[in-house]
Amino acid sequence: MVGGVRALVAYLSGGRARVTAFGAYHLVVGVAALVSSAGFGWAWDRFGSAPAFAGSAALAVAAAAALRWAVPAGPARPGA
């Protein structure tokens, strides 16, 4: 999965912007991991394990739908 996401970042960015895109990608991943871990812990403490996992599943489905909508369909490389 990680290799596919990195390939997508490389594909969507070009030239000199590729380094900035990878930096932004890793910044977003790090902040998202911190926020999601804290939020999951809070939900577990406040509501219990089942609602915490159900909320995580709902957010994962929403993220997959958003990614499907945001990424254009087409060949992996132009001209491929």
PDB file of N, CA and C in Angstrom:
ATOM      1  N   MET A   1       0.823  -1.195   0.000  1.00  0.00           N
ATOM      2  CA  MET A   1       0.000   0.000   0.000  1.00  0.00           C
ATOM      3  C   MET A   1       0.854   1.241   0.000  1.00  0.00           C
ATOM      4  N   VAL A   2       1.892   1.264   0.816  1.00  0.00           N
ATOM      5  CA  VAL A   2       2.720   2.457   0.905  1.00  0.00           C
ATOM      6  C   VAL A   2       3.391   2.740  -0.426  1.00  0.00           C
ATOM      7  N   GLY A   3       3.873   1.720  -1.106  1.00  0.00           N
ATOM      8  CA  GLY A   3       4.505   1.924  -2.405  1.00  0.00           C
ATOM      9  C   GLY A   3       3.541   2.490  -3.426  1.00  0.00           C
ATOM     10  N   GLY A   4       2.301   2.046  -3.376  1.00  0.00           N
ATOM     11  CA  GLY A   4       1.296   2.570  -4.294  1.00  0.00           C
ATOM     12  C   GLY A   4       0.979   4.028  -4.041  1.00  0.00           C
ATOM     13  N   VAL A   5       0.924   4.412  -2.776  1.00  0.00           N
ATOM     14  CA  VAL A   5       0.643   5.803  -2.443  1.00  0.00           C
ATOM     15  C   VAL A   5       1.808   6.688  -2.849  1.00  0.00           C
ATOM     16  N   ARG A   6       3.017   6.214  -2.613  1.00  0.00           N
ATOM     17  CA  ARG A   6       4.196   6.991  -3.032  1.00  0.00           C
ATOM     18  C   ARG A   6       4.244   7.116  -4.549  1.00  0.00           C
ATOM     19  N   ALA A   7       3.872   6.083  -5.266  1.00  0.00           N
ATOM     20  CA  ALA A   7       3.816   6.158  -6.727  1.00  0.00           C
ATOM     21  C   ALA A   7       2.767   7.167  -7.169  1.00  0.00           C
ATOM     22  N   LEU A   8       1.642   7.220  -6.456  1.00  0.00           N
ATOM     23  CA  LEU A   8       0.600   8.193  -6.782  1.00  0.00           C
ATOM     24  C   LEU A   8       1.096   9.614  -6.548  1.00  0.00           C
ATOM     25  N   VAL A   9       1.802   9.848  -5.446  1.00  0.00           N
ATOM     26  CA  VAL A   9       2.367  11.177  -5.179  1.00  0.00           C
ATOM     27  C   VAL A   9       3.347  11.558  -6.281  1.00  0.00           C
ATOM     28  N   ALA A  10       4.197  10.627  -6.682  1.00  0.00           N
ATOM     29  CA  ALA A  10       5.158  10.894  -7.748  1.00  0.00           C
ATOM     30  C   ALA A  10       4.454  11.169  -9.068  1.00  0.00           C
ATOM     31  N   TYR A  11       3.394  10.445  -9.340  1.00  0.00           N
ATOM     32  CA  TYR A  11       2.656  10.622 -10.592  1.00  0.00           C
ATOM     33  C   TYR A  11       1.933  11.972 -10.641  1.00  0.00           C
ATOM     34  N   LEU A  12       1.331  12.357  -9.526  1.00  0.00           N
ATOM     35  CA  LEU A  12       0.554  13.597  -9.509  1.00  0.00           C
ATOM     36  C   LEU A  12       1.416  14.846  -9.435  1.00  0.00           C
ATOM     37  N   SER A  13       2.654  14.710  -8.969  1.00  0.00           N
ATOM     38  CA  SER A  13       3.568  15.847  -8.929  1.00  0.00           C
ATOM     39  C   SER A  13       4.579  15.679 -10.050  1.00  0.00           C
ATOM     40  N   GLY A  14       5.187  16.747 -10.431  1.00  0.00           N
ATOM     41  CA  GLY A  14       6.133  16.632 -11.520  1.00  0.00           C
ATOM     42  C   GLY A  14       7.376  17.470 -11.301  1.00  0.00           C
ATOM     43  N   GLY A  15       8.472  17.017 -11.852  1.00  0.00           N
ATOM     44  CA  GLY A  15       9.708  17.773 -11.863  1.00  0.00           C
ATOM     45  C   GLY A  15      10.218  18.135 -10.479  1.00  0.00           C
ATOM     46  N   ARG A  16      10.552  19.405 -10.330  1.00  0.00           N
ATOM     47  CA  ARG A  16      11.126  19.885  -9.075  1.00  0.00           C
ATOM     48  C   ARG A  16      10.112  19.907  -7.942  1.00  0.00           C
ATOM     49  N   ALA A  17       8.832  19.931  -8.255  1.00  0.00           N
ATOM     50  CA  ALA A  17       7.791  19.945  -7.217  1.00  0.00           C
ATOM     51  C   ALA A  17       7.651  18.596  -6.534  1.00  0.00           C
ATOM     52  N   ARG A  18       8.273  17.566  -7.087  1.00  0.00           N
ATOM     53  CA  ARG A  18       8.138  16.221  -6.532  1.00  0.00           C
ATOM     54  C   ARG A  18       8.686  16.145  -5.106  1.00  0.00           C
ATOM     55  N   VAL A  19       9.812  16.787  -4.831  1.00  0.00           N
ATOM     56  CA  VAL A  19      10.397  16.760  -3.495  1.00  0.00           C
ATOM     57  C   VAL A  19       9.466  17.449  -2.501  1.00  0.00           C
ATOM     58  N   THR A  20       8.915  18.584  -2.887  1.00  0.00           N
ATOM     59  CA  THR A  20       7.960  19.295  -2.031  1.00  0.00           C
ATOM     60  C   THR A  20       6.711  18.458  -1.805  1.00  0.00           C
ATOM     61  N   ALA A  21       6.255  17.773  -2.833  1.00  0.00           N
ATOM     62  CA  ALA A  21       5.067  16.930  -2.703  1.00  0.00           C
ATOM     63  C   ALA A  21       5.306  15.793  -1.722  1.00  0.00           C
ATOM     64  N   PHE A  22       6.485  15.168  -1.781  1.00  0.00           N
ATOM     65  CA  PHE A  22       6.786  14.093  -0.832  1.00  0.00           C
ATOM     66  C   PHE A  22       6.909  14.630   0.591  1.00  0.00           C
ATOM     67  N   GLY A  23       7.478  15.814   0.752  1.00  0.00           N
ATOM     68  CA  GLY A  23       7.548  16.430   2.077  1.00  0.00           C
ATOM     69  C   GLY A  23       6.174  16.722   2.627  1.00  0.00           C
ATOM     70  N   ALA A  24       5.301  17.278   1.788  1.00  0.00           N
ATOM     71  CA  ALA A  24       3.931  17.569   2.214  1.00  0.00           C
ATOM     72  C   ALA A  24       3.175  16.279   2.535  1.00  0.00           C
ATOM     73  N   TYR A  25       3.403  15.244   1.738  1.00  0.00           N
ATOM     74  CA  TYR A  25       2.756  13.955   1.977  1.00  0.00           C
ATOM     75  C   TYR A  25       3.139  13.409   3.350  1.00  0.00           C
ATOM     76  N   HIS A  26       4.421  13.425   3.656  1.00  0.00           N
ATOM     77  CA  HIS A  26       4.868  12.873   4.936  1.00  0.00           C
ATOM     78  C   HIS A  26       4.428  13.750   6.107  1.00  0.00           C
ATOM     79  N   LEU A  27       4.346  15.060   5.914  1.00  0.00           N
ATOM     80  CA  LEU A  27       3.821  15.942   6.952  1.00  0.00           C
ATOM     81  C   LEU A  27       2.361  15.610   7.239  1.00  0.00           C
ATOM     82  N   VAL A  28       1.564  15.463   6.206  1.00  0.00           N
ATOM     83  CA  VAL A  28       0.148  15.152   6.375  1.00  0.00           C
ATOM     84  C   VAL A  28      -0.040  13.789   7.028  1.00  0.00           C
ATOM     85  N   VAL A  29       0.752  12.807   6.621  1.00  0.00           N
ATOM     86  CA  VAL A  29       0.650  11.469   7.212  1.00  0.00           C
ATOM     87  C   VAL A  29       0.992  11.511   8.694  1.00  0.00           C
ATOM     88  N   GLY A  30       2.043  12.233   9.057  1.00  0.00           N
ATOM     89  CA  GLY A  30       2.440  12.326  10.459  1.00  0.00           C
ATOM     90  C   GLY A  30       1.407  13.025  11.322  1.00  0.00           C
ATOM     91  N   VAL A  31       0.885  14.149  10.848  1.00  0.00           N
ATOM     92  CA  VAL A  31      -0.138  14.873  11.606  1.00  0.00           C
ATOM     93  C   VAL A  31      -1.414  14.045  11.710  1.00  0.00           C
ATOM     94  N   ALA A  32      -1.788  13.386  10.620  1.00  0.00           N
ATOM     95  CA  ALA A  32      -2.992  12.553  10.648  1.00  0.00           C
ATOM     96  C   ALA A  32      -2.838  11.389  11.619  1.00  0.00           C
ATOM     97  N   ALA A  33      -1.654  10.785  11.682  1.00  0.00           N
ATOM     98  CA  ALA A  33      -1.429   9.686  12.623  1.00  0.00           C
ATOM     99  C   ALA A  33      -1.533  10.167  14.064  1.00  0.00           C
ATOM    100  N   LEU A  34      -0.987  11.335  14.342  1.00  0.00           N
ATOM    101  CA  LEU A  34      -1.060  11.883  15.694  1.00  0.00           C
ATOM    102  C   LEU A  34      -2.497  12.194  16.090  1.00  0.00           C
ATOM    103  N   VAL A  35      -3.217  12.883  15.210  1.00  0.00           N
ATOM    104  CA  VAL A  35      -4.603  13.255  15.507  1.00  0.00           C
ATOM    105  C   VAL A  35      -5.502  12.031  15.605  1.00  0.00           C
ATOM    106  N   SER A  36      -5.324  11.077  14.688  1.00  0.00           N
ATOM    107  CA  SER A  36      -6.188   9.899  14.719  1.00  0.00           C
ATOM    108  C   SER A  36      -5.932   9.039  15.952  1.00  0.00           C
ATOM    109  N   SER A  37      -4.681   8.923  16.365  1.00  0.00           N
ATOM    110  CA  SER A  37      -4.383   8.143  17.566  1.00  0.00           C
ATOM    111  C   SER A  37      -4.981   8.794  18.808  1.00  0.00           C
ATOM    112  N   ALA A  38      -4.841  10.097  18.916  1.00  0.00           N
ATOM    113  CA  ALA A  38      -5.416  10.801  20.062  1.00  0.00           C
ATOM    114  C   ALA A  38      -6.945  10.721  20.047  1.00  0.00           C
ATOM    115  N   GLY A  39      -7.534  10.879  18.869  1.00  0.00           N
ATOM    116  CA  GLY A  39      -8.990  10.803  18.760  1.00  0.00           C
ATOM    117  C   GLY A  39      -9.527   9.419  19.064  1.00  0.00           C
ATOM    118  N   PHE A  40      -8.830   8.399  18.614  1.00  0.00           N
ATOM    119  CA  PHE A  40      -9.253   7.032  18.890  1.00  0.00           C
ATOM    120  C   PHE A  40      -9.159   6.734  20.384  1.00  0.00           C
ATOM    121  N   GLY A  41      -8.083   7.167  20.999  1.00  0.00           N
ATOM    122  CA  GLY A  41      -7.941   6.965  22.445  1.00  0.00           C
ATOM    123  C   GLY A  41      -9.024   7.673  23.235  1.00  0.00           C
ATOM    124  N   TRP A  42      -9.335   8.900  22.808  1.00  0.00           N
ATOM    125  CA  TRP A  42     -10.410   9.645  23.474  1.00  0.00           C
ATOM    126  C   TRP A  42     -11.742   8.923  23.307  1.00  0.00           C
ATOM    127  N   ALA A  43     -12.047   8.463  22.076  1.00  0.00           N
ATOM    128  CA  ALA A  43     -13.312   7.774  21.827  1.00  0.00           C
ATOM    129  C   ALA A  43     -13.393   6.464  22.616  1.00  0.00           C
ATOM    130  N   TRP A  44     -12.282   5.761  22.722  1.00  0.00           N
ATOM    131  CA  TRP A  44     -12.260   4.509  23.485  1.00  0.00           C
ATOM    132  C   TRP A  44     -12.547   4.788  24.956  1.00  0.00           C
ATOM    133  N   ASP A  45     -11.893   5.799  25.513  1.00  0.00           N
ATOM    134  CA  ASP A  45     -12.117   6.134  26.923  1.00  0.00           C
ATOM    135  C   ASP A  45     -13.530   6.629  27.180  1.00  0.00           C
ATOM    136  N   ARG A  46     -14.062   7.401  26.278  1.00  0.00           N
ATOM    137  CA  ARG A  46     -15.369   8.035  26.489  1.00  0.00           C
ATOM    138  C   ARG A  46     -16.531   7.100  26.181  1.00  0.00           C
ATOM    139  N   PHE A  47     -16.437   6.329  25.096  1.00  0.00           N
ATOM    140  CA  PHE A  47     -17.584   5.544  24.616  1.00  0.00           C
ATOM    141  C   PHE A  47     -17.375   4.033  24.650  1.00  0.00           C
ATOM    142  N   GLY A  48     -16.123   3.573  24.731  1.00  0.00           N
ATOM    143  CA  GLY A  48     -15.849   2.146  24.714  1.00  0.00           C
ATOM    144  C   GLY A  48     -15.231   1.709  23.393  1.00  0.00           C
ATOM    145  N   SER A  49     -14.921   0.437  23.308  1.00  0.00           N
ATOM    146  CA  SER A  49     -14.192  -0.059  22.145  1.00  0.00           C
ATOM    147  C   SER A  49     -15.043  -0.160  20.880  1.00  0.00           C
ATOM    148  N   ALA A  50     -16.260  -0.646  20.991  1.00  0.00           N
ATOM    149  CA  ALA A  50     -17.086  -0.854  19.793  1.00  0.00           C
ATOM    150  C   ALA A  50     -17.368   0.448  19.042  1.00  0.00           C
ATOM    151  N   PRO A  51     -17.811   1.522  19.703  1.00  0.00           N
ATOM    152  CA  PRO A  51     -18.011   2.772  18.967  1.00  0.00           C
ATOM    153  C   PRO A  51     -16.706   3.360  18.408  1.00  0.00           C
ATOM    154  N   ALA A  52     -15.605   3.151  19.121  1.00  0.00           N
ATOM    155  CA  ALA A  52     -14.336   3.664  18.608  1.00  0.00           C
ATOM    156  C   ALA A  52     -13.968   2.968  17.297  1.00  0.00           C
ATOM    157  N   PHE A  53     -14.102   1.635  17.257  1.00  0.00           N
ATOM    158  CA  PHE A  53     -13.790   0.910  16.030  1.00  0.00           C
ATOM    159  C   PHE A  53     -14.813   1.204  14.931  1.00  0.00           C
ATOM    160  N   ALA A  54     -16.076   1.364  15.281  1.00  0.00           N
ATOM    161  CA  ALA A  54     -17.092   1.694  14.269  1.00  0.00           C
ATOM    162  C   ALA A  54     -16.825   3.068  13.664  1.00  0.00           C
ATOM    163  N   GLY A  55     -16.451   4.020  14.493  1.00  0.00           N
ATOM    164  CA  GLY A  55     -16.106   5.346  13.974  1.00  0.00           C
ATOM    165  C   GLY A  55     -14.889   5.308  13.072  1.00  0.00           C
ATOM    166  N   SER A  56     -13.900   4.503  13.446  1.00  0.00           N
ATOM    167  CA  SER A  56     -12.712   4.354  12.600  1.00  0.00           C
ATOM    168  C   SER A  56     -13.070   3.735  11.257  1.00  0.00           C
ATOM    169  N   ALA A  57     -13.935   2.739  11.271  1.00  0.00           N
ATOM    170  CA  ALA A  57     -14.359   2.111  10.023  1.00  0.00           C
ATOM    171  C   ALA A  57     -15.118   3.095   9.136  1.00  0.00           C
ATOM    172  N   ALA A  58     -15.981   3.888   9.731  1.00  0.00           N
ATOM    173  CA  ALA A  58     -16.735   4.881   8.964  1.00  0.00           C
ATOM    174  C   ALA A  58     -15.797   5.915   8.339  1.00  0.00           C
ATOM    175  N   LEU A  59     -14.812   6.357   9.097  1.00  0.00           N
ATOM    176  CA  LEU A  59     -13.851   7.318   8.551  1.00  0.00           C
ATOM    177  C   LEU A  59     -13.000   6.699   7.440  1.00  0.00           C
ATOM    178  N   ALA A  60     -12.661   5.422   7.559  1.00  0.00           N
ATOM    179  CA  ALA A  60     -11.890   4.750   6.514  1.00  0.00           C
ATOM    180  C   ALA A  60     -12.691   4.642   5.218  1.00  0.00           C
ATOM    181  N   VAL A  61     -13.963   4.327   5.335  1.00  0.00           N
ATOM    182  CA  VAL A  61     -14.819   4.248   4.142  1.00  0.00           C
ATOM    183  C   VAL A  61     -14.963   5.625   3.500  1.00  0.00           C
ATOM    184  N   ALA A  62     -15.138   6.661   4.319  1.00  0.00           N
ATOM    185  CA  ALA A  62     -15.254   8.027   3.787  1.00  0.00           C
ATOM    186  C   ALA A  62     -13.957   8.455   3.098  1.00  0.00           C
ATOM    187  N   ALA A  63     -12.821   8.088   3.667  1.00  0.00           N
ATOM    188  CA  ALA A  63     -11.538   8.437   3.056  1.00  0.00           C
ATOM    189  C   ALA A  63     -11.347   7.709   1.732  1.00  0.00           C
ATOM    190  N   ALA A  64     -11.740   6.439   1.667  1.00  0.00           N
ATOM    191  CA  ALA A  64     -11.627   5.682   0.419  1.00  0.00           C
ATOM    192  C   ALA A  64     -12.518   6.281  -0.667  1.00  0.00           C
ATOM    193  N   ALA A  65     -13.713   6.698  -0.291  1.00  0.00           N
ATOM    194  CA  ALA A  65     -14.615   7.328  -1.259  1.00  0.00           C
ATOM    195  C   ALA A  65     -14.054   8.664  -1.732  1.00  0.00           C
ATOM    196  N   ALA A  66     -13.490   9.441  -0.817  1.00  0.00           N
ATOM    197  CA  ALA A  66     -12.908  10.733  -1.192  1.00  0.00           C
ATOM    198  C   ALA A  66     -11.704  10.540  -2.107  1.00  0.00           C
ATOM    199  N   LEU A  67     -10.881   9.526  -1.841  1.00  0.00           N
ATOM    200  CA  LEU A  67      -9.728   9.259  -2.694  1.00  0.00           C
ATOM    201  C   LEU A  67     -10.171   8.820  -4.073  1.00  0.00           C
ATOM    202  N   ARG A  68     -11.184   7.995  -4.124  1.00  0.00           N
ATOM    203  CA  ARG A  68     -11.703   7.545  -5.428  1.00  0.00           C
ATOM    204  C   ARG A  68     -12.228   8.716  -6.241  1.00  0.00           C
ATOM    205  N   TRP A  69     -12.841   9.676  -5.580  1.00  0.00           N
ATOM    206  CA  TRP A  69     -13.386  10.854  -6.260  1.00  0.00           C
ATOM    207  C   TRP A  69     -12.267  11.806  -6.673  1.00  0.00           C
ATOM    208  N   ALA A  70     -11.217  11.920  -5.871  1.00  0.00           N
ATOM    209  CA  ALA A  70     -10.181  12.913  -6.092  1.00  0.00           C
ATOM    210  C   ALA A  70      -9.138  12.495  -7.126  1.00  0.00           C
ATOM    211  N   VAL A  71      -8.909  11.193  -7.282  1.00  0.00           N
ATOM    212  CA  VAL A  71      -7.859  10.722  -8.182  1.00  0.00           C
ATOM    213  C   VAL A  71      -8.464  10.452  -9.538  1.00  0.00           C
ATOM    214  N   PRO A  72      -7.890  11.066 -10.587  1.00  0.00           N
ATOM    215  CA  PRO A  72      -8.443  10.841 -11.924  1.00  0.00           C
ATOM    216  C   PRO A  72      -8.206   9.419 -12.414  1.00  0.00           C
ATOM    217  N   ALA A  73      -9.157   8.908 -13.142  1.00  0.00           N
ATOM    218  CA  ALA A  73      -9.018   7.572 -13.728  1.00  0.00           C
ATOM    219  C   ALA A  73      -8.189   7.679 -14.990  1.00  0.00           C
ATOM    220  N   GLY A  74      -7.476   6.650 -15.298  1.00  0.00           N
ATOM    221  CA  GLY A  74      -6.695   6.662 -16.528  1.00  0.00           C
ATOM    222  C   GLY A  74      -5.472   5.791 -16.383  1.00  0.00           C
ATOM    223  N   PRO A  75      -4.621   5.795 -17.422  1.00  0.00           N
ATOM    224  CA  PRO A  75      -3.418   4.961 -17.371  1.00  0.00           C
ATOM    225  C   PRO A  75      -2.459   5.451 -16.290  1.00  0.00           C
ATOM    226  N   ALA A  76      -1.600   4.535 -15.828  1.00  0.00           N
ATOM    227  CA  ALA A  76      -0.649   4.874 -14.778  1.00  0.00           C
ATOM    228  C   ALA A  76       0.367   5.908 -15.250  1.00  0.00           C
ATOM    229  N   ARG A  77       0.705   5.914 -16.494  1.00  0.00           N
ATOM    230  CA  ARG A  77       1.649   6.878 -17.064  1.00  0.00           C
ATOM    231  C   ARG A  77       1.051   7.448 -18.347  1.00  0.00           C
ATOM    232  N   PRO A  78       1.292   8.719 -18.610  1.00  0.00           N
ATOM    233  CA  PRO A  78       0.810   9.276 -19.867  1.00  0.00           C
ATOM    234  C   PRO A  78       1.402   8.510 -21.057  1.00  0.00           C
ATOM    235  N   GLY A  79       0.564   8.144 -21.971  1.00  0.00           N
ATOM    236  CA  GLY A  79       0.996   7.415 -23.144  1.00  0.00           C
ATOM    237  C   GLY A  79       1.142   5.912 -22.938  1.00  0.00           C
ATOM    238  N   ALA A  80       0.795   5.440 -21.758  1.00  0.00           N
ATOM    239  CA  ALA A  80       0.952   3.999 -21.488  1.00  0.00           C
ATOM    240  C   ALA A  80      -0.189   3.209 -22.053  1.00  0.00           C
TER     241      ALA A  80
END
